[in-house]
Amino acid sequence: MENLLLTAPFVLEEIEEVVMKSDDNKSPGPNGFNFAFVKSFWPMLKGE
């Protein structure tokens, strides 16, 4: 049963919740964009 939860696709609302709750100064990855940038451009980025 737990295996199904681990392989379930992400839901956009779950991703958005995590992004909006994240500290603005944390870097999400090697691209160097922090969460302040991601939050500012979320309406455009969420479809990517």
PDB file of N, CA and C in Angstrom:
ATOM      1  N   MET A   1       0.820  -1.195   0.000  1.00  0.00           N
ATOM      2  CA  MET A   1       0.000   0.000   0.000  1.00  0.00           C
ATOM      3  C   MET A   1       0.868   1.265   0.000  1.00  0.00           C
ATOM      4  N   GLU A   2       1.899   1.276   0.865  1.00  0.00           N
ATOM      5  CA  GLU A   2       2.782   2.444   0.905  1.00  0.00           C
ATOM      6  C   GLU A   2       3.476   2.647  -0.433  1.00  0.00           C
ATOM      7  N   ASN A   3       3.735   1.555  -1.108  1.00  0.00           N
ATOM      8  CA  ASN A   3       4.393   1.619  -2.404  1.00  0.00           C
ATOM      9  C   ASN A   3       3.578   2.453  -3.394  1.00  0.00           C
ATOM     10  N   LEU A   4       2.257   2.343  -3.341  1.00  0.00           N
ATOM     11  CA  LEU A   4       1.398   3.116  -4.238  1.00  0.00           C
ATOM     12  C   LEU A   4       1.505   4.611  -3.961  1.00  0.00           C
ATOM     13  N   LEU A   5       1.638   4.974  -2.687  1.00  0.00           N
ATOM     14  CA  LEU A   5       1.779   6.390  -2.344  1.00  0.00           C
ATOM     15  C   LEU A   5       3.091   6.959  -2.868  1.00  0.00           C
ATOM     16  N   LEU A   6       4.133   6.149  -2.862  1.00  0.00           N
ATOM     17  CA  LEU A   6       5.444   6.607  -3.328  1.00  0.00           C
ATOM     18  C   LEU A   6       5.502   6.768  -4.838  1.00  0.00           C
ATOM     19  N   THR A   7       4.663   6.056  -5.554  1.00  0.00           N
ATOM     20  CA  THR A   7       4.686   6.125  -7.010  1.00  0.00           C
ATOM     21  C   THR A   7       3.557   6.972  -7.585  1.00  0.00           C
ATOM     22  N   ALA A   8       2.746   7.559  -6.718  1.00  0.00           N
ATOM     23  CA  ALA A   8       1.635   8.398  -7.187  1.00  0.00           C
ATOM     24  C   ALA A   8       2.191   9.684  -7.795  1.00  0.00           C
ATOM     25  N   PRO A   9       1.582  10.176  -8.855  1.00  0.00           N
ATOM     26  CA  PRO A   9       2.044  11.433  -9.462  1.00  0.00           C
ATOM     27  C   PRO A   9       1.806  12.617  -8.526  1.00  0.00           C
ATOM     28  N   PHE A  10       2.633  13.637  -8.677  1.00  0.00           N
ATOM     29  CA  PHE A  10       2.462  14.852  -7.889  1.00  0.00           C
ATOM     30  C   PHE A  10       1.209  15.582  -8.345  1.00  0.00           C
ATOM     31  N   VAL A  11       0.573  16.258  -7.412  1.00  0.00           N
ATOM     32  CA  VAL A  11      -0.603  17.074  -7.710  1.00  0.00           C
ATOM     33  C   VAL A  11      -0.160  18.536  -7.633  1.00  0.00           C
ATOM     34  N   LEU A  12      -0.565  19.345  -8.594  1.00  0.00           N
ATOM     35  CA  LEU A  12      -0.140  20.739  -8.662  1.00  0.00           C
ATOM     36  C   LEU A  12      -0.394  21.477  -7.348  1.00  0.00           C
ATOM     37  N   GLU A  13      -1.518  21.216  -6.707  1.00  0.00           N
ATOM     38  CA  GLU A  13      -1.842  21.894  -5.448  1.00  0.00           C
ATOM     39  C   GLU A  13      -0.833  21.554  -4.351  1.00  0.00           C
ATOM     40  N   GLU A  14      -0.334  20.318  -4.344  1.00  0.00           N
ATOM     41  CA  GLU A  14       0.674  19.922  -3.359  1.00  0.00           C
ATOM     42  C   GLU A  14       1.977  20.675  -3.592  1.00  0.00           C
ATOM     43  N   ILE A  15       2.375  20.784  -4.831  1.00  0.00           N
ATOM     44  CA  ILE A  15       3.610  21.494  -5.169  1.00  0.00           C
ATOM     45  C   ILE A  15       3.478  22.969  -4.811  1.00  0.00           C
ATOM     46  N   GLU A  16       2.345  23.563  -5.158  1.00  0.00           N
ATOM     47  CA  GLU A  16       2.125  24.976  -4.862  1.00  0.00           C
ATOM     48  C   GLU A  16       2.159  25.230  -3.356  1.00  0.00           C
ATOM     49  N   GLU A  17       1.574  24.351  -2.568  1.00  0.00           N
ATOM     50  CA  GLU A  17       1.578  24.502  -1.114  1.00  0.00           C
ATOM     51  C   GLU A  17       3.004  24.506  -0.567  1.00  0.00           C
ATOM     52  N   VAL A  18       3.834  23.595  -1.051  1.00  0.00           N
ATOM     53  CA  VAL A  18       5.222  23.517  -0.595  1.00  0.00           C
ATOM     54  C   VAL A  18       5.998  24.760  -1.018  1.00  0.00           C
ATOM     55  N   VAL A  19       5.819  25.202  -2.250  1.00  0.00           N
ATOM     56  CA  VAL A  19       6.519  26.393  -2.740  1.00  0.00           C
ATOM     57  C   VAL A  19       6.149  27.605  -1.895  1.00  0.00           C
ATOM     58  N   MET A  20       4.866  27.810  -1.650  1.00  0.00           N
ATOM     59  CA  MET A  20       4.412  28.997  -0.927  1.00  0.00           C
ATOM     60  C   MET A  20       4.808  28.973   0.546  1.00  0.00           C
ATOM     61  N   LYS A  21       5.002  27.789   1.120  1.00  0.00           N
ATOM     62  CA  LYS A  21       5.403  27.678   2.526  1.00  0.00           C
ATOM     63  C   LYS A  21       6.921  27.741   2.706  1.00  0.00           C
ATOM     64  N   SER A  22       7.673  27.671   1.620  1.00  0.00           N
ATOM     65  CA  SER A  22       9.130  27.639   1.707  1.00  0.00           C
ATOM     66  C   SER A  22       9.705  29.018   1.995  1.00  0.00           C
ATOM     67  N   ASP A  23      10.842  29.014   2.672  1.00  0.00           N
ATOM     68  CA  ASP A  23      11.566  30.245   2.984  1.00  0.00           C
ATOM     69  C   ASP A  23      12.045  30.887   1.682  1.00  0.00           C
ATOM     70  N   ASP A  24      11.809  32.188   1.537  1.00  0.00           N
ATOM     71  CA  ASP A  24      12.153  32.897   0.301  1.00  0.00           C
ATOM     72  C   ASP A  24      13.634  32.827  -0.051  1.00  0.00           C
ATOM     73  N   ASN A  25      14.502  32.694   0.941  1.00  0.00           N
ATOM     74  CA  ASN A  25      15.943  32.737   0.691  1.00  0.00           C
ATOM     75  C   ASN A  25      16.569  31.371   0.445  1.00  0.00           C
ATOM     76  N   LYS A  26      15.774  30.324   0.452  1.00  0.00           N
ATOM     77  CA  LYS A  26      16.297  28.978   0.195  1.00  0.00           C
ATOM     78  C   LYS A  26      16.381  28.734  -1.303  1.00  0.00           C
ATOM     79  N   SER A  27      17.468  28.131  -1.726  1.00  0.00           N
ATOM     80  CA  SER A  27      17.636  27.807  -3.140  1.00  0.00           C
ATOM     81  C   SER A  27      17.009  26.445  -3.424  1.00  0.00           C
ATOM     82  N   PRO A  28      16.155  26.343  -4.451  1.00  0.00           N
ATOM     83  CA  PRO A  28      15.514  25.068  -4.749  1.00  0.00           C
ATOM     84  C   PRO A  28      16.404  24.081  -5.492  1.00  0.00           C
ATOM     85  N   GLY A  29      17.527  24.551  -5.986  1.00  0.00           N
ATOM     86  CA  GLY A  29      18.393  23.633  -6.720  1.00  0.00           C
ATOM     87  C   GLY A  29      19.580  24.340  -7.321  1.00  0.00           C
ATOM     88  N   PRO A  30      20.295  23.657  -8.187  1.00  0.00           N
ATOM     89  CA  PRO A  30      21.525  24.209  -8.757  1.00  0.00           C
ATOM     90  C   PRO A  30      21.309  25.380  -9.714  1.00  0.00           C
ATOM     91  N   ASN A  31      20.073  25.668 -10.079  1.00  0.00           N
ATOM     92  CA  ASN A  31      19.826  26.788 -10.994  1.00  0.00           C
ATOM     93  C   ASN A  31      20.018  28.140 -10.315  1.00  0.00           C
ATOM     94  N   GLY A  32      20.075  28.165  -8.968  1.00  0.00           N
ATOM     95  CA  GLY A  32      20.337  29.399  -8.246  1.00  0.00           C
ATOM     96  C   GLY A  32      19.125  30.263  -7.978  1.00  0.00           C
ATOM     97  N   PHE A  33      17.981  29.919  -8.505  1.00  0.00           N
ATOM     98  CA  PHE A  33      16.774  30.698  -8.243  1.00  0.00           C
ATOM     99  C   PHE A  33      16.245  30.360  -6.857  1.00  0.00           C
ATOM    100  N   ASN A  34      16.057  31.402  -6.028  1.00  0.00           N
ATOM    101  CA  ASN A  34      15.507  31.150  -4.704  1.00  0.00           C
ATOM    102  C   ASN A  34      13.979  31.147  -4.761  1.00  0.00           C
ATOM    103  N   PHE A  35      13.365  30.821  -3.633  1.00  0.00           N
ATOM    104  CA  PHE A  35      11.914  30.703  -3.620  1.00  0.00           C
ATOM    105  C   PHE A  35      11.215  32.047  -3.770  1.00  0.00           C
ATOM    106  N   ALA A  36      11.880  33.155  -3.452  1.00  0.00           N
ATOM    107  CA  ALA A  36      11.276  34.473  -3.693  1.00  0.00           C
ATOM    108  C   ALA A  36      11.024  34.641  -5.189  1.00  0.00           C
ATOM    109  N   PHE A  37      11.978  34.227  -6.006  1.00  0.00           N
ATOM    110  CA  PHE A  37      11.814  34.283  -7.463  1.00  0.00           C
ATOM    111  C   PHE A  37      10.698  33.351  -7.914  1.00  0.00           C
ATOM    112  N   VAL A  38      10.740  32.119  -7.420  1.00  0.00           N
ATOM    113  CA  VAL A  38       9.740  31.126  -7.826  1.00  0.00           C
ATOM    114  C   VAL A  38       8.340  31.592  -7.452  1.00  0.00           C
ATOM    115  N   LYS A  39       8.184  32.143  -6.241  1.00  0.00           N
ATOM    116  CA  LYS A  39       6.871  32.634  -5.806  1.00  0.00           C
ATOM    117  C   LYS A  39       6.401  33.800  -6.672  1.00  0.00           C
ATOM    118  N   SER A  40       7.315  34.698  -7.011  1.00  0.00           N
ATOM    119  CA  SER A  40       6.953  35.865  -7.826  1.00  0.00           C
ATOM    120  C   SER A  40       6.448  35.459  -9.200  1.00  0.00           C
ATOM    121  N   PHE A  41       7.048  34.427  -9.757  1.00  0.00           N
ATOM    122  CA  PHE A  41       6.702  34.001 -11.110  1.00  0.00           C
ATOM    123  C   PHE A  41       5.883  32.706 -11.132  1.00  0.00           C
ATOM    124  N   TRP A  42       5.326  32.316  -9.985  1.00  0.00           N
ATOM    125  CA  TRP A  42       4.577  31.072  -9.899  1.00  0.00           C
ATOM    126  C   TRP A  42       3.456  30.966 -10.938  1.00  0.00           C
ATOM    127  N   PRO A  43       2.679  32.031 -11.187  1.00  0.00           N
ATOM    128  CA  PRO A  43       1.618  31.901 -12.195  1.00  0.00           C
ATOM    129  C   PRO A  43       2.136  31.454 -13.566  1.00  0.00           C
ATOM    130  N   MET A  44       3.353  31.852 -13.915  1.00  0.00           N
ATOM    131  CA  MET A  44       3.933  31.440 -15.197  1.00  0.00           C
ATOM    132  C   MET A  44       4.639  30.089 -15.098  1.00  0.00           C
ATOM    133  N   LEU A  45       5.265  29.819 -13.957  1.00  0.00           N
ATOM    134  CA  LEU A  45       6.069  28.609 -13.800  1.00  0.00           C
ATOM    135  C   LEU A  45       5.236  27.357 -13.553  1.00  0.00           C
ATOM    136  N   LYS A  46       4.079  27.496 -12.956  1.00  0.00           N
ATOM    137  CA  LYS A  46       3.330  26.305 -12.549  1.00  0.00           C
ATOM    138  C   LYS A  46       2.890  25.435 -13.721  1.00  0.00           C
ATOM    139  N   GLY A  47       2.826  25.988 -14.900  1.00  0.00           N
ATOM    140  CA  GLY A  47       2.450  25.199 -16.063  1.00  0.00           C
ATOM    141  C   GLY A  47       3.616  24.494 -16.719  1.00  0.00           C
ATOM    142  N   GLU A  48       4.831  24.800 -16.285  1.00  0.00           N
ATOM    143  CA  GLU A  48       6.039  24.219 -16.898  1.00  0.00           C
ATOM    144  C   GLU A  48       6.317  22.831 -16.383  1.00  0.00           C
TER     145      GLU A  48
END
